[in-house]
Amino acid sequence: MGEAGGRKGALQVGLIGLGTVGGGVADALIAKKDDIACLVGCPIALKKVLVRDPAKPRSPKLAPQMITTNPEDILGDPEIDIVVEVMGGEQPALEYMQQAISRGKAIVTANKEVIAKHGPELFALALKHKTDIYYEASVGGGIPLIAPFKQDLLANKISSIYAIINGTTNYILTKMAQEGLDFAAALSEAQALGYA
């Protein structure tokens, strides 16, 4: 492959999860690859996708060699630069993100639970391994909040932010922060009250 932006030809992506969200990510990476390449400055290629059940019908339809049930096919592949985690839940998603970061891979995630419970730990690990975590999709339903705070408002001294992101999230985070409930208990309460 030729050089693109001073690096190898294409950024290689490993996708963890191919449900509704993962299918949308895979579809966008495939269908909009030219647009994405223009925005990023080099091609991005979906290399491997981790799934629980390889026989399950999926959209988009991917070549069989792209599908795996072995996380090491993504986490241990030195050619994969970016791991997109959209499987949800705390485990094994957290473990996969930790392993990917420890191997110098950038993370993109929509996992609210992992970011809420383990964000500082993951950010410290990413700093140690000189890589990044992109978690915009896990905040406020994907409302662009993180990038403006990290980039556009960098000169401001912001120490904390409190906001109502949505009723369910606000209720759960408040219960976790003020009453020390774990995520499952707070979610259960929100469901019993009709918020979730």
Protein backbone atom coordinates (compact mmCIF):
# COMPACT_ATOMS: atom_id res chain seq x y z
CA MET A 1 0.00 0.00 0.00
CA GLY A 2 1.09 3.52 -0.69
CA GLU A 3 1.69 6.18 1.94
CA ALA A 4 -1.22 8.32 3.07
CA GLY A 5 -0.59 11.25 5.37
CA GLY A 6 2.90 9.96 6.21
CA ARG A 7 1.68 6.53 7.32
CA LYS A 8 0.67 3.22 5.80
CA GLY A 9 -2.09 3.34 3.18
CA ALA A 10 -5.19 2.63 5.26
CA LEU A 11 -6.22 2.68 8.89
CA GLN A 12 -7.41 -0.82 9.75
CA VAL A 13 -10.50 -1.16 11.95
CA GLY A 14 -11.54 -4.05 14.14
CA LEU A 15 -15.23 -3.96 15.08
CA ILE A 16 -16.42 -5.63 18.29
CA GLY A 17 -20.16 -6.27 18.00
CA LEU A 18 -22.39 -6.48 14.95
CA GLY A 19 -25.85 -5.88 16.39
CA THR A 20 -27.95 -2.86 15.47
CA VAL A 21 -25.25 -0.31 16.27
CA GLY A 22 -22.37 -2.43 14.97
CA GLY A 23 -24.25 -3.16 11.75
CA GLY A 24 -24.73 0.58 11.26
CA VAL A 25 -21.04 1.23 11.88
CA ALA A 26 -20.00 -1.52 9.46
CA ASP A 27 -22.43 -0.25 6.84
CA ALA A 28 -21.12 3.32 7.17
CA LEU A 29 -17.48 2.22 6.98
CA ILE A 30 -18.21 0.27 3.81
CA ALA A 31 -20.79 2.47 2.05
CA LYS A 32 -19.16 5.82 2.89
CA LYS A 33 -15.52 4.81 2.69
CA ASP A 34 -14.65 7.47 0.09
CA ASP A 35 -16.29 10.27 2.10
CA ILE A 36 -14.59 9.07 5.29
CA ALA A 37 -11.22 8.89 3.54
CA CYS A 38 -11.60 12.51 2.41
CA LEU A 39 -12.46 13.65 5.95
CA VAL A 40 -9.73 11.62 7.66
CA GLY A 41 -7.02 12.09 5.04
CA CYS A 42 -6.44 8.39 4.38
CA PRO A 43 -8.53 5.32 3.68
CA ILE A 44 -10.16 3.42 6.53
CA ALA A 45 -10.77 -0.28 6.03
CA LEU A 46 -12.93 -2.60 8.11
CA LYS A 47 -10.67 -5.63 8.57
CA LYS A 48 -12.30 -7.91 11.14
CA VAL A 49 -15.57 -8.13 13.10
CA LEU A 50 -16.03 -10.00 16.39
CA VAL A 51 -19.44 -11.64 16.84
CA ARG A 52 -20.96 -14.18 19.23
CA ASP A 53 -22.76 -16.23 16.57
CA PRO A 54 -21.13 -16.32 13.12
CA ALA A 55 -24.14 -18.16 11.62
CA LYS A 56 -26.60 -15.38 12.45
CA PRO A 57 -27.87 -13.49 9.38
CA ARG A 58 -26.46 -9.96 9.35
CA SER A 59 -26.73 -6.67 7.64
CA PRO A 60 -24.51 -5.68 6.02
CA LYS A 61 -23.44 -9.03 4.65
CA LEU A 62 -19.70 -9.38 5.19
CA ALA A 63 -17.20 -11.79 3.69
CA PRO A 64 -16.83 -14.86 5.94
CA GLN A 65 -13.12 -14.18 6.50
CA MET A 66 -14.01 -10.84 8.10
CA ILE A 67 -16.10 -12.52 10.83
CA THR A 68 -14.52 -14.02 13.94
CA THR A 69 -15.56 -15.31 17.35
CA ASN A 70 -12.02 -15.00 18.71
CA PRO A 71 -11.27 -11.56 20.22
CA GLU A 72 -7.55 -12.14 19.75
CA ASP A 73 -8.09 -11.93 15.97
CA ILE A 74 -8.71 -8.22 16.55
CA LEU A 75 -6.86 -7.42 19.77
CA GLY A 76 -3.70 -9.30 18.75
CA ASP A 77 -3.58 -8.16 15.14
CA PRO A 78 -0.76 -5.59 14.83
CA GLU A 79 -2.29 -4.26 11.59
CA ILE A 80 -5.51 -3.15 13.34
CA ASP A 81 -5.12 0.48 14.42
CA ILE A 82 -8.61 1.23 15.75
CA VAL A 83 -10.97 -0.95 17.76
CA VAL A 84 -14.62 0.06 17.63
CA GLU A 85 -16.45 -1.47 20.59
CA VAL A 86 -20.24 -1.54 20.21
CA MET A 87 -21.11 -4.81 21.92
CA GLY A 88 -22.39 -3.06 25.03
CA GLY A 89 -22.40 -4.24 28.63
CA GLU A 90 -19.57 -4.00 31.10
CA GLN A 91 -17.83 -7.31 30.48
CA PRO A 92 -16.17 -8.47 28.36
CA ALA A 93 -16.26 -5.03 26.68
CA LEU A 94 -14.08 -3.44 29.39
CA GLU A 95 -11.54 -6.24 29.18
CA TYR A 96 -11.37 -5.95 25.38
CA MET A 97 -10.88 -2.18 25.57
CA GLN A 98 -8.13 -2.54 28.19
CA GLN A 99 -6.31 -5.11 26.05
CA ALA A 100 -6.62 -3.01 22.90
CA ILE A 101 -5.37 0.15 24.64
CA SER A 102 -2.45 -1.78 26.21
CA ARG A 103 -1.46 -2.80 22.69
CA GLY A 104 -1.54 0.81 21.46
CA LYS A 105 -4.83 0.65 19.58
CA ALA A 106 -7.21 3.62 19.58
CA ILE A 107 -10.71 2.93 20.90
CA VAL A 108 -14.06 4.19 19.65
CA THR A 109 -16.99 3.25 21.87
CA ALA A 110 -20.65 3.96 22.43
CA ASN A 111 -20.59 2.05 25.72
CA LYS A 112 -22.16 4.28 28.36
CA GLU A 113 -21.77 1.74 31.16
CA VAL A 114 -18.03 1.21 30.69
CA ILE A 115 -17.32 4.92 30.33
CA ALA A 116 -19.46 5.78 33.40
CA LYS A 117 -17.86 3.11 35.59
CA HIS A 118 -14.31 2.92 34.25
CA GLY A 119 -13.70 6.10 32.23
CA PRO A 120 -10.87 7.57 34.37
CA GLU A 121 -9.10 4.21 34.50
CA LEU A 122 -9.33 3.80 30.71
CA PHE A 123 -8.22 7.38 30.03
CA ALA A 124 -5.16 6.88 32.28
CA LEU A 125 -4.33 3.62 30.49
CA ALA A 126 -4.67 5.35 27.11
CA LEU A 127 -2.37 8.16 28.25
CA LYS A 128 0.20 5.60 29.44
CA HIS A 129 0.12 3.80 26.08
CA LYS A 130 -0.01 7.02 24.03
CA THR A 131 -3.32 6.25 22.34
CA ASP A 132 -6.84 7.69 22.38
CA ILE A 133 -10.37 6.83 23.41
CA TYR A 134 -13.18 8.38 21.41
CA TYR A 135 -16.42 8.10 23.34
CA GLU A 136 -18.63 10.84 21.94
CA ALA A 137 -21.29 8.29 21.00
CA SER A 138 -21.59 7.23 24.65
CA VAL A 139 -22.54 10.74 25.79
CA GLY A 140 -25.90 12.41 25.28
CA GLY A 141 -26.98 10.08 22.51
CA GLY A 142 -24.07 11.17 20.34
CA ILE A 143 -24.64 14.93 20.73
CA PRO A 144 -21.26 16.47 19.93
CA LEU A 145 -20.16 17.48 23.43
CA ILE A 146 -16.78 15.88 24.08
CA ALA A 147 -14.84 17.30 21.12
CA PRO A 148 -15.89 20.92 21.82
CA PHE A 149 -14.82 20.58 25.46
CA LYS A 150 -11.52 18.91 24.56
CA GLN A 151 -10.67 21.18 21.62
CA ASP A 152 -12.79 24.29 21.16
CA LEU A 153 -12.94 25.23 24.85
CA LEU A 154 -9.40 24.13 25.68
CA ALA A 155 -8.35 27.62 26.84
CA ASN A 156 -11.16 27.69 29.42
CA LYS A 157 -10.63 26.19 32.85
CA ILE A 158 -13.54 23.74 33.14
CA SER A 159 -13.26 21.47 36.17
CA SER A 160 -16.58 19.65 35.97
CA ILE A 161 -19.86 19.58 34.12
CA TYR A 162 -23.29 18.60 35.42
CA ALA A 163 -26.11 18.22 32.95
CA ILE A 164 -29.35 16.50 32.26
CA ILE A 165 -28.47 14.37 29.28
CA ASN A 166 -31.80 12.61 29.20
CA GLY A 167 -34.22 11.58 31.89
CA THR A 168 -33.11 7.98 32.17
CA THR A 169 -29.40 8.76 32.15
CA ASN A 170 -29.81 11.61 34.61
CA TYR A 171 -31.80 9.42 37.01
CA ILE A 172 -29.30 6.55 36.84
CA LEU A 173 -26.19 8.73 37.21
CA THR A 174 -27.74 10.66 40.10
CA LYS A 175 -28.58 7.42 41.95
CA MET A 176 -25.07 6.08 41.31
CA ALA A 177 -23.35 9.30 42.42
CA GLN A 178 -25.53 10.27 45.38
CA GLU A 179 -26.66 6.92 46.75
CA GLY A 180 -23.82 4.68 45.65
CA LEU A 181 -26.07 2.32 43.71
CA ASP A 182 -24.44 0.19 41.07
CA PHE A 183 -25.59 0.55 37.47
CA ALA A 184 -27.87 -2.53 37.51
CA ALA A 185 -29.72 -1.40 40.66
CA ALA A 186 -30.13 2.17 39.39
CA LEU A 187 -31.39 0.91 36.03
CA SER A 188 -33.81 -1.46 37.74
CA GLU A 189 -35.21 1.43 39.79
CA ALA A 190 -35.52 3.60 36.67
CA GLN A 191 -37.39 0.80 34.92
CA ALA A 192 -39.74 0.28 37.87
CA LEU A 193 -40.56 4.00 37.82
CA GLY A 194 -41.14 3.99 34.06
CA TYR A 195 -38.12 6.12 33.12
CA ALA A 196 -36.42 3.34 31.20
